[in-house]
């Protein structure tokens, strides 16, 4: 039986979930999506607000533009900072 901690990066449950849902996405695309979702979580976006961002980033053929999700999340964070008058 090994002694000590496991080697390597600790598992990220949320990233594992995204990998299961979006199996065809590249690691970079998954990282960008995770970054966007973490930005929305950090500013306490509701489920409905997040769904609206995902709807806006969905193309007519039903695929999602992760670059658009990331951009909209960045805009949401900047609006949040502006409202709070944070530096």
Protein backbone atom coordinates (compact mmCIF):
# COMPACT_ATOMS: atom_id res chain seq x y z
CA UNK A 1 0.00 0.00 0.00
CA UNK A 2 1.50 3.36 -1.04
CA UNK A 3 2.31 5.91 1.61
CA UNK A 4 1.78 9.62 1.06
CA UNK A 5 -0.20 11.63 -1.39
CA UNK A 6 -1.10 10.66 -4.94
CA UNK A 7 1.13 12.07 -7.61
CA UNK A 8 0.03 14.51 -10.25
CA UNK A 9 -2.54 17.24 -10.39
CA UNK A 10 -5.54 16.85 -8.07
CA UNK A 11 -8.75 15.82 -9.82
CA UNK A 12 -11.22 18.57 -10.66
CA UNK A 13 -14.76 17.24 -10.40
CA UNK A 14 -16.25 20.05 -12.50
CA UNK A 15 -13.71 19.54 -15.30
CA UNK A 16 -14.36 15.79 -15.19
CA UNK A 17 -18.08 16.53 -15.61
CA UNK A 18 -17.40 18.79 -18.61
CA UNK A 19 -15.21 16.05 -20.14
CA UNK A 20 -18.07 13.57 -19.77
CA UNK A 21 -20.62 15.93 -21.30
CA UNK A 22 -18.47 17.28 -24.15
CA UNK A 23 -16.44 14.24 -25.19
CA UNK A 24 -15.63 15.62 -28.65
CA UNK A 25 -14.09 18.87 -27.38
CA UNK A 26 -10.34 19.38 -27.27
CA UNK A 27 -8.56 19.97 -23.94
CA UNK A 28 -8.11 23.65 -24.87
CA UNK A 29 -11.81 24.10 -25.63
CA UNK A 30 -12.73 22.41 -22.34
CA UNK A 31 -10.33 24.71 -20.48
CA UNK A 32 -11.87 27.79 -22.10
CA UNK A 33 -15.38 26.59 -21.25
CA UNK A 34 -14.37 25.85 -17.66
CA UNK A 35 -12.78 29.31 -17.36
CA UNK A 36 -15.98 30.94 -18.63
CA UNK A 37 -18.17 28.96 -16.23
CA UNK A 38 -15.88 29.77 -13.29
CA UNK A 39 -16.12 33.47 -14.14
CA UNK A 40 -19.92 33.26 -14.08
CA UNK A 41 -19.88 31.31 -10.82
CA UNK A 42 -17.54 33.87 -9.25
CA UNK A 43 -20.03 36.70 -9.87
CA UNK A 44 -22.97 34.58 -8.64
CA UNK A 45 -24.73 34.31 -11.97
CA UNK A 46 -28.03 32.49 -11.65
CA UNK A 47 -28.92 29.37 -13.57
CA UNK A 48 -31.25 31.40 -15.78
CA UNK A 49 -28.58 34.01 -16.54
CA UNK A 50 -26.08 31.28 -17.40
CA UNK A 51 -28.62 29.56 -19.65
CA UNK A 52 -29.15 32.86 -21.47
CA UNK A 53 -25.41 33.19 -22.13
CA UNK A 54 -25.31 29.62 -23.44
CA UNK A 55 -28.35 30.33 -25.63
CA UNK A 56 -26.67 33.42 -27.07
CA UNK A 57 -23.54 31.38 -27.83
CA UNK A 58 -25.43 28.59 -29.60
CA UNK A 59 -25.18 28.61 -33.37
CA UNK A 60 -28.18 28.01 -35.66
CA UNK A 61 -26.99 24.43 -36.24
CA UNK A 62 -27.09 23.75 -32.48
CA UNK A 63 -23.35 23.76 -31.78
CA UNK A 64 -21.88 26.06 -29.18
CA UNK A 65 -19.30 28.76 -29.80
CA UNK A 66 -17.06 28.41 -26.75
CA UNK A 67 -15.20 31.55 -27.78
CA UNK A 68 -18.52 33.40 -27.61
CA UNK A 69 -19.32 31.89 -24.19
CA UNK A 70 -15.93 33.03 -22.95
CA UNK A 71 -16.42 36.52 -24.41
CA UNK A 72 -19.89 36.89 -22.87
CA UNK A 73 -18.58 35.72 -19.49
CA UNK A 74 -15.80 38.31 -19.66
CA UNK A 75 -18.39 41.00 -20.44
CA UNK A 76 -20.52 39.87 -17.51
CA UNK A 77 -17.54 40.10 -15.16
CA UNK A 78 -16.62 43.56 -16.43
CA UNK A 79 -20.22 44.74 -15.94
CA UNK A 80 -20.17 43.27 -12.43
CA UNK A 81 -16.95 45.14 -11.61
CA UNK A 82 -18.37 48.37 -13.05
CA UNK A 83 -21.52 48.05 -10.93
CA UNK A 84 -19.48 47.45 -7.79
CA UNK A 85 -17.08 50.29 -8.64
CA UNK A 86 -14.17 47.96 -8.04
CA UNK A 87 -10.70 48.89 -9.33
